Protein backbone atom coordinates (compact mmCIF):
# COMPACT_ATOMS: atom_id res chain seq x y z
CA MET A 1 0.18 0.10 0.08
CA LEU A 2 2.77 2.43 1.14
CA LEU A 3 4.87 1.45 -2.27
CA ASN A 4 1.59 2.19 -4.21
CA THR A 5 1.16 5.39 -2.56
CA ILE A 6 4.73 6.48 -3.06
CA ARG A 7 4.62 5.58 -6.74
CA ILE A 8 1.28 7.35 -7.49
CA LEU A 9 2.56 10.60 -5.64
CA PHE A 10 5.96 10.41 -7.42
CA PHE A 11 4.81 9.50 -11.15
CA GLY A 12 1.88 12.23 -10.84
CA THR A 13 4.22 14.71 -9.73
CA ILE A 14 6.42 14.11 -12.66
CA VAL A 15 3.45 14.22 -15.25
CA TRP A 16 1.87 17.21 -13.52
CA GLY A 17 5.29 19.00 -13.85
CA VAL A 18 6.11 18.16 -17.16
CA LEU A 19 2.30 19.34 -18.16
CA PHE A 20 2.48 22.49 -16.61
CA LEU A 21 5.73 23.73 -15.79
CA PRO A 22 8.39 25.21 -18.18
CA VAL A 23 11.66 23.20 -19.15
CA PRO A 24 14.07 24.36 -16.55
CA SER A 25 16.58 25.75 -18.98
CA ASN A 26 16.38 29.48 -18.85
CA VAL A 27 18.91 31.37 -16.31
CA ASP A 28 16.89 33.84 -14.06
CA LEU A 29 19.88 35.17 -11.95
CA ILE A 30 17.27 37.80 -10.47
CA HIS A 31 15.11 34.93 -8.60
CA ASN A 32 18.51 32.58 -7.94
CA ASN A 33 18.66 30.55 -4.74
CA LEU A 34 14.96 31.53 -3.52
CA PRO A 35 13.83 29.35 -0.64
CA PHE A 36 11.30 27.04 -0.65
CA PHE A 37 7.65 28.17 -0.53
CA SER A 38 8.44 31.39 -2.50
CA GLU A 39 6.18 32.49 -4.86
CA GLY A 40 5.76 30.88 -7.90
CA TYR A 41 8.37 28.13 -6.74
CA LEU A 42 7.25 25.68 -4.19
CA PHE A 43 10.68 24.46 -3.63
CA GLY A 44 12.58 27.43 -4.44
CA THR A 45 15.25 28.04 -7.39
CA ASP A 46 18.79 26.69 -7.54
CA ARG A 47 21.56 29.10 -8.02
CA LEU A 48 20.99 29.83 -11.88
CA GLY A 49 17.06 30.38 -10.82
CA ARG A 50 15.90 27.68 -12.25
CA ASN A 51 12.72 25.81 -10.68
CA ASN A 52 13.91 23.02 -8.65
CA LEU A 53 10.26 21.36 -8.98
CA ALA A 54 10.81 21.46 -13.01
CA LEU A 55 14.37 20.04 -12.42
CA PHE A 56 13.27 17.26 -10.48
CA CYS A 57 10.10 16.56 -12.80
CA TYR A 58 12.38 16.82 -16.07
CA GLY A 59 15.14 15.35 -14.71
CA SER A 60 13.14 12.12 -13.75
CA LEU A 61 11.37 12.01 -16.97
CA SER A 62 14.80 12.14 -18.90
CA THR A 63 16.10 9.35 -16.86
CA ILE A 64 12.89 7.06 -17.43
CA LEU A 65 13.25 7.79 -21.18
CA ILE A 66 17.03 6.37 -20.94
CA VAL A 67 16.54 3.72 -18.77
CA ILE A 68 13.58 1.61 -20.23
CA PRO A 69 14.91 1.65 -23.72
CA ALA A 70 18.41 0.75 -22.72
CA ARG A 71 17.39 -2.27 -20.72
CA ILE A 72 15.01 -3.71 -23.58
CA PHE A 73 17.87 -2.72 -25.73
CA THR A 74 20.49 -4.66 -23.77
CA ILE A 75 17.87 -7.67 -22.97
CA ILE A 76 17.20 -8.13 -27.17
CA PHE A 77 20.77 -7.92 -27.89
CA SER A 78 21.87 -10.67 -25.30
CA PHE A 79 18.82 -12.83 -26.49
CA LEU A 80 19.91 -12.18 -30.29
CA ILE A 81 23.45 -13.68 -29.22
CA SER A 82 21.89 -16.57 -27.21
CA THR A 83 19.90 -17.52 -30.42
CA VAL A 84 23.25 -17.46 -32.55
CA SER A 85 24.80 -20.17 -29.83
CA LEU A 86 21.59 -22.47 -30.09
CA ILE A 87 22.06 -22.13 -34.63
CA PHE A 88 25.68 -22.66 -34.65
CA PRO A 89 26.40 -24.27 -31.11
CA LYS A 90 30.08 -25.32 -31.90
CA ARG A 91 31.69 -21.96 -33.47
CA SER A 92 29.73 -19.66 -31.11
CA ASP A 93 31.02 -21.64 -28.36
CA PHE A 94 34.62 -21.01 -29.48
CA PHE A 95 34.46 -17.67 -29.98
CA LEU A 96 31.59 -16.33 -27.14
CA SER A 97 33.19 -17.88 -24.23
CA GLY A 98 36.21 -16.05 -24.26
CA PHE A 99 34.80 -12.83 -25.06
CA VAL A 100 31.92 -13.36 -22.46
CA SER A 101 34.77 -14.06 -19.89
CA VAL A 102 36.69 -11.03 -20.50
CA SER A 103 33.30 -8.83 -20.50
CA LEU A 104 32.64 -10.10 -17.09
CA SER A 105 36.00 -9.48 -15.95
CA ILE A 106 36.20 -5.89 -16.68
CA PRO A 107 33.93 -3.67 -14.25
CA SER A 108 30.93 -2.83 -15.64
CA LEU A 109 31.32 0.96 -14.89
CA LEU A 110 34.67 1.37 -16.55
CA SER A 111 33.60 -0.51 -19.79
CA ALA A 112 30.63 1.87 -19.99
CA LEU A 113 32.67 5.20 -19.60
CA ILE A 114 35.32 3.78 -22.29
CA VAL A 115 32.59 3.30 -24.79
CA ILE A 116 31.15 6.81 -23.86
CA SER A 117 34.84 8.32 -24.18
CA ILE A 118 34.85 6.86 -27.69
CA LEU A 119 31.45 7.58 -28.93
CA PRO A 120 29.98 11.10 -29.65
CA GLU A 121 28.15 12.30 -26.83
CA SER A 122 23.99 11.54 -27.59
CA PRO A 123 21.59 9.25 -26.40
CA PHE A 124 22.07 6.51 -28.51
CA SER A 125 25.80 6.38 -26.81
CA LEU A 126 24.32 5.93 -23.70
CA LEU A 127 22.35 3.13 -25.08
CA VAL A 128 25.25 1.53 -26.14
CA ALA A 129 27.41 2.22 -23.06
CA ILE A 130 24.56 0.44 -20.83
CA LEU A 131 24.64 -2.42 -23.31
CA VAL A 132 28.14 -3.13 -23.21
CA SER A 133 28.11 -2.98 -19.29
CA ASP A 134 25.48 -5.30 -18.68
CA TRP A 135 24.99 -7.52 -21.78
CA ALA A 136 27.41 -10.13 -20.70
CA ILE A 137 25.36 -10.82 -17.39
CA VAL A 138 22.10 -10.85 -19.07
CA TYR A 139 23.64 -13.18 -21.48
CA GLU A 140 24.90 -15.95 -19.02
CA THR A 141 21.58 -15.58 -17.23
CA LEU A 142 19.55 -16.49 -20.58
CA THR A 143 22.33 -18.92 -21.46
CA ALA A 144 21.66 -20.90 -18.09
CA LYS A 145 17.59 -20.93 -18.75
CA ILE A 146 18.26 -22.10 -22.23
CA ARG A 147 20.58 -24.91 -21.38
CA GLU A 148 17.39 -26.07 -19.05
CA ILE A 149 15.02 -25.70 -21.75
CA GLN A 150 17.04 -28.04 -24.03
CA THR A 151 16.62 -30.84 -21.75
CA SER A 152 12.66 -30.59 -21.87
CA PRO A 153 11.00 -33.67 -23.82
CA TYR A 154 9.28 -30.75 -25.78
CA ILE A 155 12.66 -30.26 -27.57
CA ALA A 156 13.60 -33.79 -27.97
CA ALA A 157 10.06 -34.32 -29.54
CA SER A 158 10.23 -31.36 -31.72
CA LEU A 159 13.99 -32.71 -33.00
CA CYS A 160 12.85 -35.93 -33.42
CA PHE A 161 10.11 -34.68 -36.04
CA GLY A 162 12.63 -32.41 -37.86
CA ALA A 163 12.17 -29.07 -36.38
CA LYS A 164 14.51 -26.55 -37.40
CA PRO A 165 16.70 -24.04 -34.80
CA TYR A 166 14.71 -21.22 -35.87
CA GLN A 167 11.18 -23.10 -35.22
CA LEU A 168 12.33 -24.15 -31.83
CA ILE A 169 13.37 -20.93 -30.81
CA TRP A 170 9.92 -19.34 -31.95
CA LEU A 171 7.88 -22.35 -30.49
CA HIS A 172 9.56 -23.59 -27.68
CA TYR A 173 12.13 -21.13 -26.38
CA LEU A 174 10.58 -17.57 -26.61
CA PRO A 175 7.49 -19.20 -24.56
CA ALA A 176 9.50 -20.34 -22.26
CA LEU A 177 11.66 -17.46 -21.58
CA LYS A 178 9.08 -14.81 -21.19
CA SER A 179 9.09 -15.15 -17.11
CA MET A 180 12.77 -14.63 -17.51
CA PHE A 181 12.90 -11.83 -19.90
CA GLN A 182 10.38 -9.95 -17.17
CA PHE A 183 12.81 -10.68 -14.36
CA LEU A 184 15.70 -9.39 -16.13
CA PHE A 185 13.75 -6.41 -17.26
CA PHE A 186 12.94 -5.45 -13.56
CA SER A 187 15.78 -6.71 -11.88
CA GLY A 188 17.98 -4.54 -14.00
CA LEU A 189 16.25 -1.21 -13.98
CA PRO A 190 17.64 -0.15 -10.50
CA THR A 191 21.29 -0.81 -11.64
CA VAL A 192 20.75 1.08 -14.93
CA VAL A 193 19.07 4.19 -12.90
CA MET A 194 22.13 4.39 -10.85
CA THR A 195 24.79 4.05 -13.82
CA THR A 196 22.63 7.06 -15.82
CA ALA A 197 22.55 8.81 -12.52
CA LEU A 198 26.69 8.31 -12.29
CA PHE A 199 27.05 9.51 -15.59
CA SER A 200 25.04 12.62 -15.40
CA TYR A 201 27.35 13.30 -12.05
CA LEU A 202 30.27 13.23 -13.86
CA GLY A 203 29.04 15.64 -16.68
CA ILE A 204 27.93 13.14 -19.55
CA GLN A 205 24.67 14.30 -21.11
CA THR A 206 21.82 12.20 -20.02
CA SER A 207 19.08 14.71 -21.25
CA VAL A 208 16.69 13.24 -23.95
CA GLY A 209 15.67 16.20 -25.94
CA GLU A 210 15.01 19.55 -24.09
CA THR A 211 14.61 18.29 -20.82
CA GLY A 212 17.38 20.56 -18.80
CA PRO A 213 19.92 18.54 -16.93
CA GLY A 214 19.95 15.06 -15.66
CA LEU A 215 19.31 14.12 -11.83
CA GLY A 216 23.32 13.61 -11.35
CA GLU A 217 24.09 16.92 -13.07
CA GLN A 218 21.76 18.68 -10.75
CA ILE A 219 23.80 17.02 -7.61
CA SER A 220 26.97 17.85 -9.01
CA PHE A 221 26.04 21.33 -9.92
CA SER A 222 24.60 22.24 -6.76
CA LYS A 223 26.34 20.41 -4.25
CA ASP A 224 28.42 23.19 -3.23
CA TYR A 225 25.81 25.54 -2.65
CA PHE A 226 23.56 23.38 -0.26
CA ASP A 227 23.45 25.80 2.48
CA GLN A 228 21.65 28.39 0.14
CA SER A 229 19.58 25.81 -1.89
CA PRO A 230 19.23 22.42 -0.22
CA PHE A 231 16.40 21.28 -2.46
CA SER A 232 18.66 21.78 -5.28
CA VAL A 233 20.57 18.63 -3.92
CA LEU A 234 17.60 17.10 -1.93
CA LEU A 235 15.07 16.61 -4.92
CA PRO A 236 17.69 14.98 -7.42
CA ILE A 237 18.69 12.44 -4.65
CA ILE A 238 15.18 11.75 -3.70
CA ALA A 239 14.12 11.23 -7.50
CA ILE A 240 17.13 8.63 -7.64
CA LEU A 241 16.37 6.73 -4.64
CA THR A 242 12.51 6.74 -5.73
CA LEU A 243 13.13 5.36 -9.04
CA VAL A 244 15.28 2.85 -7.72
CA TYR A 245 13.10 1.71 -4.67
CA SER A 246 10.28 1.58 -6.88
CA LEU A 247 11.47 -0.40 -9.70
CA GLY A 248 13.40 -2.56 -7.10
CA SER A 249 10.23 -3.36 -5.42
CA ARG A 250 8.29 -3.98 -8.40
CA ASN A 251 10.94 -6.86 -9.19
CA GLN A 252 10.62 -8.29 -5.06
CA LYS A 253 6.90 -8.67 -6.06
CA TYR A 254 7.73 -10.22 -9.37
CA GLU A 255 9.88 -12.81 -7.56
CA THR A 256 7.61 -13.46 -4.82
């Protein structure tokens, strides 16, 4: 009950803010560092005069617009690699086993930062960076489940009737992996939220379109002025923690 209330308030605030508040991209030094409950600014402004509530709403929206496609992209890519190993088992095992081991041995954040430094700054680069940091773990999880499915009598019966690998994937593997896809999606969202926030904190552009600075960037920009505008730091922290808590709790509900 409490979780549902938090979700409704959080996402309702985001929707309301995006619909009725202007994008926090203009500088207004006349109204900078306003305290909360100022006229027209419920949670005050930061040191550039930007509405803290608008920063909270648009920063949260931008994070969601990056996190969800990134996780879907990672799962689809990992599944496609897994299907290659089903169609060409001998050749794929030779190449993929070593590649996956190397990917797992490199810290995920390091590999993501390397990709970000190579590619031009864009939302697509973020998707690729998150993919590089997460795909090996997702691939290993899917592969373990696929090996379990391979021992089922349905697969043996289909092979006896001459089923092709792509037919097995469509008729047996995909339906059996449906719950695993759901688990991987929700279990990975909190990690992607934190990764995106860290990228933003380090100065990497995580905004989608004209949505203002990301949540991590807001913290980095205002942390030295906490005494003058505390909500400029507290609101993005609350947004990150609420996203992680909501999505993580959704995964716990699914597991139970």
